[in-house]
PDB file of N, CA and C in Angstrom:
ATOM      1  N   MET A   1     -13.087  -2.768  -3.605  1.00  0.00           N
ATOM      2  CA  MET A   1     -12.512  -2.410  -2.315  1.00  0.00           C
ATOM      3  C   MET A   1     -11.582  -1.213  -2.498  1.00  0.00           C
ATOM      4  N   GLU A   2     -11.523  -0.398  -1.504  1.00  0.00           N
ATOM      5  CA  GLU A   2     -10.685   0.788  -1.552  1.00  0.00           C
ATOM      6  C   GLU A   2      -9.211   0.424  -1.331  1.00  0.00           C
ATOM      7  N   PHE A   3      -8.338   1.057  -2.089  1.00  0.00           N
ATOM      8  CA  PHE A   3      -6.908   0.759  -2.046  1.00  0.00           C
ATOM      9  C   PHE A   3      -6.343   0.872  -0.633  1.00  0.00           C
ATOM     10  N   GLY A   4      -6.610   1.991   0.029  1.00  0.00           N
ATOM     11  CA  GLY A   4      -6.039   2.225   1.350  1.00  0.00           C
ATOM     12  C   GLY A   4      -6.454   1.190   2.375  1.00  0.00           C
ATOM     13  N   ILE A   5      -7.708   0.782   2.321  1.00  0.00           N
ATOM     14  CA  ILE A   5      -8.209  -0.225   3.252  1.00  0.00           C
ATOM     15  C   ILE A   5      -7.496  -1.551   3.019  1.00  0.00           C
ATOM     16  N   GLU A   6      -7.340  -1.919   1.756  1.00  0.00           N
ATOM     17  CA  GLU A   6      -6.665  -3.180   1.437  1.00  0.00           C
ATOM     18  C   GLU A   6      -5.182  -3.107   1.786  1.00  0.00           C
ATOM     19  N   LEU A   7      -4.555  -1.972   1.542  1.00  0.00           N
ATOM     20  CA  LEU A   7      -3.143  -1.813   1.913  1.00  0.00           C
ATOM     21  C   LEU A   7      -2.978  -2.024   3.414  1.00  0.00           C
ATOM     22  N   ARG A   8      -3.822  -1.395   4.220  1.00  0.00           N
ATOM     23  CA  ARG A   8      -3.741  -1.557   5.674  1.00  0.00           C
ATOM     24  C   ARG A   8      -3.970  -3.023   6.073  1.00  0.00           C
ATOM     25  N   ARG A   9      -4.970  -3.654   5.484  1.00  0.00           N
ATOM     26  CA  ARG A   9      -5.271  -5.044   5.819  1.00  0.00           C
ATOM     27  C   ARG A   9      -4.077  -5.954   5.527  1.00  0.00           C
ATOM     28  N   LEU A  10      -3.500  -5.781   4.342  1.00  0.00           N
ATOM     29  CA  LEU A  10      -2.344  -6.595   3.964  1.00  0.00           C
ATOM     30  C   LEU A  10      -1.144  -6.324   4.869  1.00  0.00           C
ATOM     31  N   ARG A  11      -0.894  -5.062   5.129  1.00  0.00           N
ATOM     32  CA  ARG A  11       0.249  -4.683   5.976  1.00  0.00           C
ATOM     33  C   ARG A  11       0.098  -5.275   7.377  1.00  0.00           C
ATOM     34  N   GLN A  12      -1.073  -5.134   7.956  1.00  0.00           N
ATOM     35  CA  GLN A  12      -1.294  -5.645   9.298  1.00  0.00           C
ATOM     36  C   GLN A  12      -1.254  -7.173   9.337  1.00  0.00           C
ATOM     37  N   SER A  13      -1.726  -7.805   8.264  1.00  0.00           N
ATOM     38  CA  SER A  13      -1.702  -9.273   8.233  1.00  0.00           C
ATOM     39  C   SER A  13      -0.273  -9.806   8.209  1.00  0.00           C
ATOM     40  N   LYS A  14       0.658  -8.996   7.727  1.00  0.00           N
ATOM     41  CA  LYS A  14       2.085  -9.368   7.721  1.00  0.00           C
ATOM     42  C   LYS A  14       2.801  -8.914   8.989  1.00  0.00           C
ATOM     43  N   GLY A  15       2.071  -8.222   9.868  1.00  0.00           N
ATOM     44  CA  GLY A  15       2.673  -7.740  11.111  1.00  0.00           C
ATOM     45  C   GLY A  15       3.647  -6.600  10.907  1.00  0.00           C
ATOM     46  N   MET A  16       3.456  -5.832   9.837  1.00  0.00           N
ATOM     47  CA  MET A  16       4.369  -4.729   9.536  1.00  0.00           C
ATOM     48  C   MET A  16       3.813  -3.410  10.046  1.00  0.00           C
ATOM     49  N   SER A  17       4.683  -2.567  10.551  1.00  0.00           N
ATOM     50  CA  SER A  17       4.308  -1.209  10.916  1.00  0.00           C
ATOM     51  C   SER A  17       4.376  -0.334   9.671  1.00  0.00           C
ATOM     52  N   LEU A  18       3.795   0.848   9.762  1.00  0.00           N
ATOM     53  CA  LEU A  18       3.917   1.798   8.657  1.00  0.00           C
ATOM     54  C   LEU A  18       5.385   2.150   8.410  1.00  0.00           C
ATOM     55  N   ALA A  19       6.136   2.279   9.490  1.00  0.00           N
ATOM     56  CA  ALA A  19       7.559   2.629   9.352  1.00  0.00           C
ATOM     57  C   ALA A  19       8.330   1.536   8.611  1.00  0.00           C
ATOM     58  N   SER A  20       8.072   0.281   8.953  1.00  0.00           N
ATOM     59  CA  SER A  20       8.819  -0.795   8.291  1.00  0.00           C
ATOM     60  C   SER A  20       8.396  -0.941   6.836  1.00  0.00           C
ATOM     61  N   LEU A  21       7.116  -0.763   6.546  1.00  0.00           N
ATOM     62  CA  LEU A  21       6.691  -0.787   5.144  1.00  0.00           C
ATOM     63  C   LEU A  21       7.310   0.391   4.395  1.00  0.00           C
ATOM     64  N   GLY A  22       7.323   1.542   5.022  1.00  0.00           N
ATOM     65  CA  GLY A  22       7.929   2.720   4.407  1.00  0.00           C
ATOM     66  C   GLY A  22       9.384   2.489   4.033  1.00  0.00           C
ATOM     67  N   GLN A  23      10.127   1.848   4.926  1.00  0.00           N
ATOM     68  CA  GLN A  23      11.529   1.542   4.628  1.00  0.00           C
ATOM     69  C   GLN A  23      11.644   0.566   3.467  1.00  0.00           C
ATOM     70  N   ALA A  24      10.730  -0.384   3.399  1.00  0.00           N
ATOM     71  CA  ALA A  24      10.782  -1.395   2.340  1.00  0.00           C
ATOM     72  C   ALA A  24      10.434  -0.828   0.971  1.00  0.00           C
ATOM     73  N   VAL A  25       9.577   0.198   0.947  1.00  0.00           N
ATOM     74  CA  VAL A  25       9.110   0.722  -0.346  1.00  0.00           C
ATOM     75  C   VAL A  25       9.630   2.129  -0.649  1.00  0.00           C
ATOM     76  N   TYR A  26      10.440   2.682   0.250  1.00  0.00           N
ATOM     77  CA  TYR A  26      11.064   4.001   0.041  1.00  0.00           C
ATOM     78  C   TYR A  26      10.055   5.143  -0.025  1.00  0.00           C
ATOM     79  N   PHE A  27       8.977   5.030   0.748  1.00  0.00           N
ATOM     80  CA  PHE A  27       8.023   6.117   0.927  1.00  0.00           C
ATOM     81  C   PHE A  27       7.939   6.383   2.426  1.00  0.00           C
ATOM     82  N   THR A  28       7.604   7.600   2.817  1.00  0.00           N
ATOM     83  CA  THR A  28       7.528   7.913   4.238  1.00  0.00           C
ATOM     84  C   THR A  28       6.297   7.277   4.867  1.00  0.00           C
ATOM     85  N   LYS A  29       6.411   7.030   6.171  1.00  0.00           N
ATOM     86  CA  LYS A  29       5.256   6.460   6.865  1.00  0.00           C
ATOM     87  C   LYS A  29       4.105   7.461   6.887  1.00  0.00           C
ATOM     88  N   GLY A  30       4.420   8.745   6.867  1.00  0.00           N
ATOM     89  CA  GLY A  30       3.367   9.771   6.817  1.00  0.00           C
ATOM     90  C   GLY A  30       2.561   9.688   5.531  1.00  0.00           C
ATOM     91  N   TYR A  31       3.253   9.515   4.423  1.00  0.00           N
ATOM     92  CA  TYR A  31       2.561   9.390   3.141  1.00  0.00           C
ATOM     93  C   TYR A  31       1.743   8.102   3.107  1.00  0.00           C
ATOM     94  N   LEU A  32       2.331   7.003   3.578  1.00  0.00           N
ATOM     95  CA  LEU A  32       1.598   5.736   3.590  1.00  0.00           C
ATOM     96  C   LEU A  32       0.363   5.821   4.471  1.00  0.00           C
ATOM     97  N   SER A  33       0.465   6.518   5.578  1.00  0.00           N
ATOM     98  CA  SER A  33      -0.695   6.720   6.452  1.00  0.00           C
ATOM     99  C   SER A  33      -1.795   7.474   5.713  1.00  0.00           C
ATOM    100  N   LYS A  34      -1.406   8.502   4.972  1.00  0.00           N
ATOM    101  CA  LYS A  34      -2.391   9.265   4.195  1.00  0.00           C
ATOM    102  C   LYS A  34      -3.044   8.397   3.132  1.00  0.00           C
ATOM    103  N   VAL A  35      -2.278   7.530   2.500  1.00  0.00           N
ATOM    104  CA  VAL A  35      -2.845   6.613   1.503  1.00  0.00           C
ATOM    105  C   VAL A  35      -3.837   5.672   2.177  1.00  0.00           C
ATOM    106  N   GLU A  36      -3.435   5.097   3.297  1.00  0.00           N
ATOM    107  CA  GLU A  36      -4.321   4.166   3.997  1.00  0.00           C
ATOM    108  C   GLU A  36      -5.614   4.828   4.452  1.00  0.00           C
ATOM    109  N   ASN A  37      -5.535   6.097   4.793  1.00  0.00           N
ATOM    110  CA  ASN A  37      -6.708   6.829   5.275  1.00  0.00           C
ATOM    111  C   ASN A  37      -7.460   7.567   4.176  1.00  0.00           C
ATOM    112  N   GLY A  38      -7.040   7.389   2.934  1.00  0.00           N
ATOM    113  CA  GLY A  38      -7.742   8.000   1.809  1.00  0.00           C
ATOM    114  C   GLY A  38      -7.489   9.478   1.615  1.00  0.00           C
ATOM    115  N   ARG A  39      -6.457  10.013   2.247  1.00  0.00           N
ATOM    116  CA  ARG A  39      -6.140  11.437   2.103  1.00  0.00           C
ATOM    117  C   ARG A  39      -5.079  11.711   1.053  1.00  0.00           C
ATOM    118  N   ALA A  40      -4.478  10.665   0.506  1.00  0.00           N
ATOM    119  CA  ALA A  40      -3.510  10.791  -0.587  1.00  0.00           C
ATOM    120  C   ALA A  40      -3.792   9.675  -1.581  1.00  0.00           C
ATOM    121  N   ARG A  41      -3.612   9.992  -2.846  1.00  0.00           N
ATOM    122  CA  ARG A  41      -3.863   9.006  -3.896  1.00  0.00           C
ATOM    123  C   ARG A  41      -2.608   8.178  -4.149  1.00  0.00           C
ATOM    124  N   PRO A  42      -2.755   6.877  -4.209  1.00  0.00           N
ATOM    125  CA  PRO A  42      -1.606   6.033  -4.532  1.00  0.00           C
ATOM    126  C   PRO A  42      -1.277   6.123  -6.012  1.00  0.00           C
ATOM    127  N   ASN A  43      -0.060   5.783  -6.351  1.00  0.00           N
ATOM    128  CA  ASN A  43       0.332   5.752  -7.759  1.00  0.00           C
ATOM    129  C   ASN A  43       0.775   4.331  -8.111  1.00  0.00           C
ATOM    130  N   PRO A  44       0.911   4.026  -9.397  1.00  0.00           N
ATOM    131  CA  PRO A  44       1.280   2.665  -9.808  1.00  0.00           C
ATOM    132  C   PRO A  44       2.602   2.176  -9.219  1.00  0.00           C
ATOM    133  N   ALA A  45       3.573   3.064  -9.074  1.00  0.00           N
ATOM    134  CA  ALA A  45       4.864   2.657  -8.512  1.00  0.00           C
ATOM    135  C   ALA A  45       4.703   2.214  -7.061  1.00  0.00           C
ATOM    136  N   LEU A  46       3.948   2.975  -6.289  1.00  0.00           N
ATOM    137  CA  LEU A  46       3.703   2.610  -4.895  1.00  0.00           C
ATOM    138  C   LEU A  46       2.973   1.271  -4.819  1.00  0.00           C
ATOM    139  N   ALA A  47       1.957   1.091  -5.637  1.00  0.00           N
ATOM    140  CA  ALA A  47       1.187  -0.156  -5.630  1.00  0.00           C
ATOM    141  C   ALA A  47       2.091  -1.350  -5.919  1.00  0.00           C
ATOM    142  N   ALA A  48       2.951  -1.219  -6.911  1.00  0.00           N
ATOM    143  CA  ALA A  48       3.847  -2.323  -7.280  1.00  0.00           C
ATOM    144  C   ALA A  48       4.851  -2.618  -6.171  1.00  0.00           C
ATOM    145  N   LEU A  49       5.420  -1.580  -5.570  1.00  0.00           N
ATOM    146  CA  LEU A  49       6.379  -1.779  -4.486  1.00  0.00           C
ATOM    147  C   LEU A  49       5.723  -2.422  -3.271  1.00  0.00           C
ATOM    148  N   CYS A  50       4.510  -1.988  -2.952  1.00  0.00           N
ATOM    149  CA  CYS A  50       3.795  -2.564  -1.811  1.00  0.00           C
ATOM    150  C   CYS A  50       3.416  -4.012  -2.086  1.00  0.00           C
ATOM    151  N   ASP A  51       2.980  -4.308  -3.304  1.00  0.00           N
ATOM    152  CA  ASP A  51       2.687  -5.702  -3.659  1.00  0.00           C
ATOM    153  C   ASP A  51       3.903  -6.577  -3.430  1.00  0.00           C
ATOM    154  N   ARG A  52       5.061  -6.104  -3.853  1.00  0.00           N
ATOM    155  CA  ARG A  52       6.295  -6.875  -3.700  1.00  0.00           C
ATOM    156  C   ARG A  52       6.651  -7.035  -2.221  1.00  0.00           C
ATOM    157  N   ALA A  53       6.590  -5.943  -1.470  1.00  0.00           N
ATOM    158  CA  ALA A  53       6.971  -5.980  -0.056  1.00  0.00           C
ATOM    159  C   ALA A  53       6.010  -6.830   0.781  1.00  0.00           C
ATOM    160  N   LEU A  54       4.748  -6.849   0.388  1.00  0.00           N
ATOM    161  CA  LEU A  54       3.733  -7.566   1.164  1.00  0.00           C
ATOM    162  C   LEU A  54       3.426  -8.947   0.599  1.00  0.00           C
ATOM    163  N   GLY A  55       4.025  -9.274  -0.544  1.00  0.00           N
ATOM    164  CA  GLY A  55       3.791 -10.575  -1.150  1.00  0.00           C
ATOM    165  C   GLY A  55       2.344 -10.796  -1.548  1.00  0.00           C
ATOM    166  N   SER A  56       1.723  -9.753  -2.068  1.00  0.00           N
ATOM    167  CA  SER A  56       0.287  -9.828  -2.373  1.00  0.00           C
ATOM    168  C   SER A  56      -0.013 -10.173  -3.831  1.00  0.00           C
ATOM    169  N   GLY A  57       1.009 -10.555  -4.584  1.00  0.00           N
ATOM    170  CA  GLY A  57       0.789 -11.088  -5.924  1.00  0.00           C
ATOM    171  C   GLY A  57       0.098 -10.170  -6.912  1.00  0.00           C
ATOM    172  N   GLY A  58       0.311  -8.884  -6.785  1.00  0.00           N
ATOM    173  CA  GLY A  58      -0.289  -7.949  -7.735  1.00  0.00           C
ATOM    174  C   GLY A  58      -1.676  -7.466  -7.367  1.00  0.00           C
ATOM    175  N   ALA A  59      -2.161  -7.814  -6.188  1.00  0.00           N
ATOM    176  CA  ALA A  59      -3.517  -7.428  -5.776  1.00  0.00           C
ATOM    177  C   ALA A  59      -3.689  -5.915  -5.696  1.00  0.00           C
ATOM    178  N   LEU A  60      -2.673  -5.218  -5.211  1.00  0.00           N
ATOM    179  CA  LEU A  60      -2.795  -3.766  -5.076  1.00  0.00           C
ATOM    180  C   LEU A  60      -2.736  -3.077  -6.436  1.00  0.00           C
ATOM    181  N   VAL A  61      -1.886  -3.548  -7.326  1.00  0.00           N
ATOM    182  CA  VAL A  61      -1.825  -2.993  -8.678  1.00  0.00           C
ATOM    183  C   VAL A  61      -3.169  -3.200  -9.374  1.00  0.00           C
ATOM    184  N   ALA A  62      -3.735  -4.396  -9.235  1.00  0.00           N
ATOM    185  CA  ALA A  62      -5.026  -4.692  -9.853  1.00  0.00           C
ATOM    186  C   ALA A  62      -6.122  -3.796  -9.276  1.00  0.00           C
ATOM    187  N   LEU A  63      -6.072  -3.565  -7.988  1.00  0.00           N
ATOM    188  CA  LEU A  63      -7.067  -2.708  -7.343  1.00  0.00           C
ATOM    189  C   LEU A  63      -6.943  -1.280  -7.828  1.00  0.00           C
ATOM    190  N   LEU A  64      -5.713  -0.814  -7.996  1.00  0.00           N
ATOM    191  CA  LEU A  64      -5.484   0.539  -8.499  1.00  0.00           C
ATOM    192  C   LEU A  64      -5.951   0.654  -9.944  1.00  0.00           C
ATOM    193  N   ASP A  65      -5.668  -0.357 -10.756  1.00  0.00           N
ATOM    194  CA  ASP A  65      -6.112  -0.354 -12.153  1.00  0.00           C
ATOM    195  C   ASP A  65      -7.630  -0.346 -12.239  1.00  0.00           C
ATOM    196  N   LYS A  66      -8.270  -1.095 -11.371  1.00  0.00           N
ATOM    197  CA  LYS A  66      -9.726  -1.193 -11.355  1.00  0.00           C
ATOM    198  C   LYS A  66     -10.376   0.140 -10.996  1.00  0.00           C
ATOM    199  N   ALA A  67      -9.717   0.901 -10.125  1.00  0.00           N
ATOM    200  CA  ALA A  67     -10.251   2.188  -9.679  1.00  0.00           C
ATOM    201  C   ALA A  67     -10.085   3.287 -10.715  1.00  0.00           C
ATOM    202  N   SER A  68      -9.205   3.084 -11.676  1.00  0.00           N
ATOM    203  CA  SER A  68      -8.933   4.124 -12.674  1.00  0.00           C
ATOM    204  C   SER A  68     -10.035   4.241 -13.701  1.00  0.00           C
TER     205      SER A  68
END
């Protein structure tokens, strides 16, 4: 599965906006939007912060590792 698609799915399942996720992980909502839409590449730090903020148990880090 693509990182951005899974990030969006997890974020929406928690009822979070891009802005609120951005505040939680210290990245702009513009950058997060680009990641979700596949126009920017995520990095390990972002994946780990999003996993923590979304309570996804390392799923995003694992997905990023798998894509490498």
